[in-house]
Structures are given as structure tokens and as C-alpha cells.
N, C-alpha and C. Protein backbone atom coordinates (compact mmCIF):
# COMPACT_ATOMS: atom_id res chain seq x y z
N MET A 1 229.67 -158.77 123.68
CA MET A 1 229.64 -158.16 122.28
C MET A 1 230.01 -156.62 122.40
N THR A 2 230.90 -156.24 121.43
CA THR A 2 231.29 -154.99 121.35
C THR A 2 230.48 -154.20 120.42
N PHE A 3 230.59 -152.88 120.31
CA PHE A 3 229.74 -152.26 119.42
C PHE A 3 230.07 -152.50 118.15
N ASN A 4 231.47 -152.80 117.75
CA ASN A 4 231.66 -153.16 116.35
C ASN A 4 231.11 -154.26 116.07
N GLU A 5 231.17 -155.38 116.85
CA GLU A 5 230.58 -156.73 116.47
C GLU A 5 229.08 -156.61 116.13
N PHE A 6 228.44 -155.65 116.88
CA PHE A 6 227.02 -155.25 116.80
C PHE A 6 226.74 -154.74 115.47
N LEU A 7 227.59 -153.63 115.11
CA LEU A 7 227.29 -153.08 113.70
C LEU A 7 227.75 -153.96 112.69
N PHE A 8 228.67 -154.92 112.75
CA PHE A 8 228.92 -155.97 111.67
C PHE A 8 227.70 -156.87 111.65
N GLY A 9 227.07 -157.39 112.65
CA GLY A 9 225.95 -158.19 112.43
C GLY A 9 224.80 -157.34 111.85
N LEU A 10 224.62 -156.30 112.24
CA LEU A 10 223.65 -155.43 111.69
C LEU A 10 223.79 -155.21 109.98
N ASP A 11 225.01 -155.09 109.76
CA ASP A 11 225.45 -154.89 108.15
C ASP A 11 225.03 -156.21 107.58
N ILE A 12 225.45 -157.38 108.07
CA ILE A 12 224.93 -158.59 107.58
C ILE A 12 223.65 -158.86 107.38
N LEU A 13 222.88 -158.46 108.39
CA LEU A 13 221.54 -158.70 108.19
C LEU A 13 220.67 -157.61 107.30
N ASN A 14 221.33 -156.49 107.06
CA ASN A 14 220.96 -155.66 106.04
C ASN A 14 221.34 -156.02 104.76
N ASN A 15 222.39 -156.51 104.58
CA ASN A 15 222.73 -157.40 103.20
C ASN A 15 221.95 -158.44 102.88
N LEU A 16 221.60 -159.21 103.93
CA LEU A 16 220.70 -160.48 103.86
C LEU A 16 219.23 -160.15 103.37
N GLY A 17 218.79 -158.97 103.94
CA GLY A 17 217.44 -158.50 103.72
C GLY A 17 217.46 -157.96 102.19
N ILE A 18 218.45 -157.38 101.64
CA ILE A 18 218.50 -156.90 100.30
C ILE A 18 218.61 -157.94 99.42
N LEU A 19 219.34 -159.08 99.70
CA LEU A 19 219.44 -160.35 98.87
C LEU A 19 218.05 -160.96 98.82
N ILE A 20 217.42 -161.09 99.97
CA ILE A 20 216.09 -161.88 100.01
C ILE A 20 215.04 -161.05 99.26
N GLY A 21 215.18 -159.66 99.13
CA GLY A 21 214.16 -158.81 98.38
C GLY A 21 214.39 -158.91 97.15
N MET A 22 215.71 -158.88 96.69
CA MET A 22 216.02 -159.14 95.18
C MET A 22 215.53 -160.39 94.68
N LEU A 23 215.74 -161.35 95.36
CA LEU A 23 215.21 -162.67 95.04
C LEU A 23 213.73 -162.87 95.05
N SER A 24 213.06 -162.12 95.91
CA SER A 24 211.62 -162.37 95.90
C SER A 24 211.06 -161.50 94.84
N VAL A 25 211.59 -160.31 94.53
CA VAL A 25 211.13 -159.82 93.14
C VAL A 25 211.44 -160.50 91.90
N TRP A 26 212.50 -161.04 91.78
CA TRP A 26 212.90 -161.86 90.72
C TRP A 26 211.98 -163.02 90.50
N PHE A 27 211.69 -163.69 91.43
CA PHE A 27 210.77 -164.93 91.43
C PHE A 27 209.32 -164.56 91.28
N LEU A 28 208.91 -163.55 92.08
CA LEU A 28 207.48 -163.21 92.02
C LEU A 28 207.20 -162.53 90.59
N TYR A 29 208.09 -161.99 90.13
CA TYR A 29 207.87 -161.41 88.72
C TYR A 29 207.39 -162.42 87.63
N ASP A 30 207.95 -163.63 87.80
CA ASP A 30 207.41 -164.75 87.03
C ASP A 30 205.95 -165.20 87.28
N GLN A 31 205.47 -164.80 88.41
CA GLN A 31 204.11 -165.24 88.74
C GLN A 31 203.05 -164.19 88.33
N ILE A 32 203.41 -163.18 87.89
CA ILE A 32 202.57 -161.95 87.41
C ILE A 32 201.88 -162.30 86.11
N ASN A 33 200.60 -162.21 85.90
CA ASN A 33 199.85 -162.44 84.67
C ASN A 33 200.55 -161.74 83.39
N PRO A 34 200.97 -162.47 82.60
CA PRO A 34 201.46 -161.83 81.34
C PRO A 34 200.64 -160.71 80.68
N SER A 35 199.35 -160.81 80.73
CA SER A 35 198.55 -159.86 80.04
C SER A 35 198.59 -158.46 80.79
N ARG A 36 198.97 -158.60 82.20
CA ARG A 36 199.15 -157.35 82.90
C ARG A 36 200.42 -156.70 82.53
N ILE A 37 201.39 -157.57 82.42
CA ILE A 37 202.71 -156.86 81.87
C ILE A 37 202.68 -156.33 80.57
N ALA A 38 201.96 -156.86 79.64
CA ALA A 38 201.78 -156.33 78.17
C ALA A 38 201.04 -155.12 78.19
N ARG A 39 200.09 -154.70 79.20
CA ARG A 39 199.40 -153.58 79.41
C ARG A 39 200.31 -152.42 79.64
N TYR A 40 201.45 -152.70 80.31
CA TYR A 40 202.48 -151.68 80.94
C TYR A 40 203.65 -151.61 80.04
N SER A 41 203.77 -152.39 78.88
CA SER A 41 205.13 -152.51 78.36
C SER A 41 205.59 -151.25 77.69
N VAL A 42 204.69 -150.20 77.45
CA VAL A 42 205.00 -148.88 76.85
C VAL A 42 205.93 -148.09 78.09
N LEU A 43 205.67 -148.51 79.32
CA LEU A 43 206.50 -148.02 80.36
C LEU A 43 208.04 -148.63 80.40
N PHE A 44 208.00 -149.89 80.04
CA PHE A 44 209.37 -150.48 79.99
C PHE A 44 210.15 -149.80 78.80
N SER A 45 209.66 -149.24 77.84
CA SER A 45 210.60 -148.69 76.85
C SER A 45 211.20 -147.42 77.50
N TYR A 46 210.78 -147.00 78.62
CA TYR A 46 211.53 -145.82 79.32
C TYR A 46 212.51 -146.25 80.16
N SER A 47 212.67 -147.44 80.60
CA SER A 47 213.62 -148.00 81.52
C SER A 47 214.91 -147.66 81.26
N PHE A 48 215.61 -147.82 79.92
CA PHE A 48 216.98 -147.53 79.93
C PHE A 48 217.24 -145.96 79.86
N PHE A 49 216.32 -145.11 79.43
CA PHE A 49 216.64 -143.95 79.54
C PHE A 49 216.58 -143.37 80.91
N ILE A 50 215.67 -143.86 81.67
CA ILE A 50 215.77 -143.46 83.09
C ILE A 50 216.94 -144.04 83.95
N PHE A 51 217.36 -145.25 83.48
CA PHE A 51 218.50 -145.73 84.22
C PHE A 51 219.73 -144.83 84.03
N VAL A 52 219.91 -144.42 82.68
CA VAL A 52 221.12 -143.54 82.18
C VAL A 52 220.94 -142.28 82.97
N PHE A 53 219.75 -141.71 82.83
CA PHE A 53 219.65 -140.13 83.06
C PHE A 53 219.41 -139.88 84.65
N HIS A 54 218.71 -140.75 85.43
CA HIS A 54 218.33 -140.42 86.66
C HIS A 54 219.40 -140.02 87.56
N GLU A 55 220.57 -140.69 87.62
CA GLU A 55 221.62 -140.37 88.52
C GLU A 55 222.14 -138.98 88.62
N PRO A 56 222.58 -138.38 87.61
CA PRO A 56 222.90 -137.05 87.61
C PRO A 56 221.90 -136.19 88.06
N LEU A 57 220.65 -136.46 87.70
CA LEU A 57 219.42 -135.43 87.87
C LEU A 57 219.18 -135.62 89.30
N LEU A 58 219.09 -136.97 89.80
CA LEU A 58 218.88 -137.03 91.23
C LEU A 58 219.67 -136.49 92.05
N THR A 59 220.99 -136.41 91.79
CA THR A 59 221.98 -135.76 92.67
C THR A 59 221.61 -134.34 92.74
N ILE A 60 221.43 -133.63 91.58
CA ILE A 60 221.13 -132.16 91.58
C ILE A 60 219.84 -131.90 92.40
N PHE A 61 218.84 -132.71 92.19
CA PHE A 61 217.55 -132.51 93.04
C PHE A 61 217.84 -132.57 94.48
N LYS A 62 218.67 -133.53 94.93
CA LYS A 62 219.03 -133.76 96.25
C LYS A 62 219.77 -132.65 96.80
N LYS A 63 220.88 -132.43 96.01
CA LYS A 63 221.57 -131.23 96.55
C LYS A 63 220.87 -129.88 96.74
N GLY A 64 220.10 -129.73 95.68
CA GLY A 64 219.20 -128.41 95.56
C GLY A 64 218.21 -128.31 96.73
N MET A 65 217.60 -129.50 96.86
CA MET A 65 216.49 -129.50 98.02
C MET A 65 217.07 -129.47 99.42
N PHE A 66 218.32 -130.15 99.59
CA PHE A 66 218.97 -130.02 100.93
C PHE A 66 219.29 -128.44 101.05
N PHE A 67 219.74 -127.84 99.96
CA PHE A 67 220.21 -126.36 100.08
C PHE A 67 218.97 -125.48 100.44
N LEU A 68 217.60 -125.81 99.84
CA LEU A 68 216.45 -124.97 100.21
C LEU A 68 215.85 -125.36 101.40
N LEU A 69 215.97 -126.67 101.75
CA LEU A 69 215.13 -127.03 103.07
C LEU A 69 216.07 -127.37 104.22
N GLY A 70 217.34 -127.34 103.98
CA GLY A 70 218.19 -127.71 105.28
C GLY A 70 218.39 -129.22 105.42
N LYS A 71 219.06 -129.52 106.30
CA LYS A 71 219.48 -130.89 106.76
C LYS A 71 218.69 -131.24 107.99
N THR A 72 217.39 -131.50 108.04
CA THR A 72 216.69 -132.01 109.24
C THR A 72 216.20 -133.31 109.02
N ASN A 73 215.68 -134.04 109.92
CA ASN A 73 215.11 -135.28 109.76
C ASN A 73 213.98 -135.32 108.83
N SER A 74 212.98 -134.39 109.13
CA SER A 74 211.81 -134.25 108.16
C SER A 74 212.07 -133.83 106.83
N SER A 75 213.10 -132.96 106.48
CA SER A 75 213.41 -132.60 105.11
C SER A 75 214.26 -133.84 104.51
N SER A 76 214.95 -134.50 105.22
CA SER A 76 215.72 -135.77 104.79
C SER A 76 214.69 -136.73 104.12
N LEU A 77 213.54 -136.99 104.91
CA LEU A 77 212.57 -137.85 104.73
C LEU A 77 211.64 -137.53 103.43
N ALA A 78 211.55 -136.14 103.32
CA ALA A 78 210.81 -135.62 102.16
C ALA A 78 211.60 -135.69 100.92
N ILE A 79 212.87 -135.23 101.09
CA ILE A 79 213.64 -135.27 100.03
C ILE A 79 214.00 -136.78 99.65
N TYR A 80 214.05 -137.82 100.27
CA TYR A 80 214.29 -139.34 99.85
C TYR A 80 212.89 -139.65 99.06
N ILE A 81 211.69 -139.04 99.27
CA ILE A 81 210.73 -139.43 98.83
C ILE A 81 210.56 -138.74 97.34
N ILE A 82 210.57 -137.32 97.45
CA ILE A 82 210.27 -136.52 96.46
C ILE A 82 211.31 -136.52 95.48
N ALA A 83 212.63 -136.37 95.50
CA ALA A 83 213.63 -136.32 94.59
C ALA A 83 213.61 -137.43 93.71
N PRO A 84 213.54 -138.71 94.01
CA PRO A 84 213.28 -139.71 92.94
C PRO A 84 212.22 -139.54 92.14
N LEU A 85 211.00 -139.14 92.69
CA LEU A 85 209.91 -139.05 91.87
C LEU A 85 210.07 -137.96 90.79
N LEU A 86 210.70 -136.84 91.20
CA LEU A 86 210.90 -135.83 90.41
C LEU A 86 211.82 -136.16 89.28
N SER A 87 213.00 -136.90 89.52
CA SER A 87 213.82 -137.37 88.68
C SER A 87 213.43 -138.11 87.47
N ILE A 88 212.62 -139.10 88.04
CA ILE A 88 211.87 -140.21 87.15
C ILE A 88 211.12 -139.53 86.19
N GLY A 89 210.23 -138.65 86.85
CA GLY A 89 209.23 -137.94 86.00
C GLY A 89 209.79 -137.10 85.19
N LEU A 90 210.73 -136.20 85.28
CA LEU A 90 211.53 -135.44 84.32
C LEU A 90 212.31 -136.30 83.34
N SER A 91 212.80 -137.42 83.63
CA SER A 91 213.57 -138.39 82.83
C SER A 91 212.52 -138.83 81.64
N MET A 92 211.25 -139.05 82.12
CA MET A 92 210.27 -139.63 81.28
C MET A 92 209.70 -138.58 80.25
N LEU A 93 209.67 -137.37 80.84
CA LEU A 93 209.29 -136.23 80.01
C LEU A 93 210.21 -135.97 79.05
N LEU A 94 211.58 -135.98 79.25
CA LEU A 94 212.76 -135.54 78.30
C LEU A 94 212.88 -136.67 77.28
N ARG A 95 212.48 -137.92 77.92
CA ARG A 95 212.55 -138.93 76.80
C ARG A 95 211.42 -138.73 75.82
N TYR A 96 210.30 -138.51 76.15
CA TYR A 96 208.98 -138.24 75.29
C TYR A 96 209.39 -137.26 74.26
N ILE A 97 209.86 -136.02 74.83
CA ILE A 97 210.31 -134.92 74.11
C ILE A 97 211.45 -135.25 73.07
N LEU A 98 212.40 -135.94 73.51
CA LEU A 98 213.48 -136.22 72.56
C LEU A 98 213.08 -137.20 71.51
N ILE A 99 212.32 -138.15 71.68
CA ILE A 99 211.73 -139.03 70.76
C ILE A 99 210.74 -138.43 69.75
N ARG A 100 209.94 -137.33 70.28
CA ARG A 100 209.15 -136.67 69.37
C ARG A 100 209.87 -135.58 68.54
N ARG A 101 210.70 -134.86 68.96
CA ARG A 101 211.33 -133.75 68.42
C ARG A 101 212.72 -134.17 67.66
N VAL A 102 213.70 -134.93 68.26
CA VAL A 102 214.89 -135.27 67.88
C VAL A 102 215.33 -136.71 68.06
N PRO A 103 214.52 -137.71 67.32
CA PRO A 103 214.69 -138.96 67.55
C PRO A 103 216.16 -139.48 67.41
N ARG A 104 216.97 -138.92 66.37
CA ARG A 104 218.18 -139.37 66.01
C ARG A 104 219.10 -138.95 67.19
N ILE A 105 218.96 -138.06 68.02
CA ILE A 105 219.64 -137.50 69.14
C ILE A 105 219.40 -138.76 70.24
N TYR A 106 218.17 -139.00 70.32
CA TYR A 106 217.79 -139.85 71.26
C TYR A 106 218.23 -141.27 70.95
N ASN A 107 218.26 -141.74 69.68
CA ASN A 107 218.93 -142.99 69.31
C ASN A 107 220.37 -143.06 69.54
N PHE A 108 221.17 -142.05 69.09
CA PHE A 108 222.30 -141.89 69.34
C PHE A 108 222.77 -142.05 70.98
N ALA A 109 222.28 -141.39 71.67
CA ALA A 109 222.39 -141.23 73.26
C ALA A 109 222.17 -142.49 73.96
N THR A 110 221.10 -143.46 73.31
CA THR A 110 220.94 -144.58 74.12
C THR A 110 221.32 -145.78 73.37
N GLY A 111 221.89 -145.52 72.26
CA GLY A 111 222.48 -146.74 71.42
C GLY A 111 221.39 -147.34 70.69
N GLY A 112 220.34 -146.73 70.34
CA GLY A 112 219.24 -147.38 69.67
C GLY A 112 218.33 -148.24 70.68
N ARG A 113 218.48 -148.11 71.91
CA ARG A 113 217.62 -148.94 72.73
C ARG A 113 216.32 -148.27 73.14
């Protein structure tokens, strides 16, 4: 077996793992108690705005943190954990502020979602 065949096999296993994970979440979601879901429904209202807003913000955070911390294994791990949390938190805060202060702009930006 050559190195390229080995990498190809790892790529297939990785994609298979992602597929199994997606299917697991899909089917396990149906098993969750509906009353628990209703308790967190206010968080679901944030999902579209987070989806739209997180990517540019995440890129900015990652590049800025790599600039400040350098590119080492430990900084990469820290950035991998911290940058998404910061971008999601800031997205949620911005959504909250937009809805409270300028709901028309928020509705326009999200298409009323």
C-alpha cells in the first residue's frame, strides 16, 4: 500500500464518520423529549442570524488570534475552541441589540426570519 492509498483510505473513513455523525444527530433529535425542546425554543430563534453572521466574524477572530498568539499547536487548539464561542456569543448579542433597537434593519437583514 502506498502513502497516497493510505491517505485516500483515511479520507474515506473521515467522510464516513461525518456521515454517521450527521445521521446520528438527525435520528437522535427525534428521541428528545418535546418539552425539553420547547424550553430552549428561544435559542432556536437565534439560529438563522448566527448562521448568516458567524462566518465573517469567525474568520476575523481566527486571523486576529493567530496574529496575536502565533501559529503553534497549543494556540491552534485554543483558537479552535475560543474563536467559535466568541463569534457565536457576539452574534447572539448583536441579534439581541438589533431586535431591541432597530427591528426593521434586523428584519430586512434576515428576510423576516
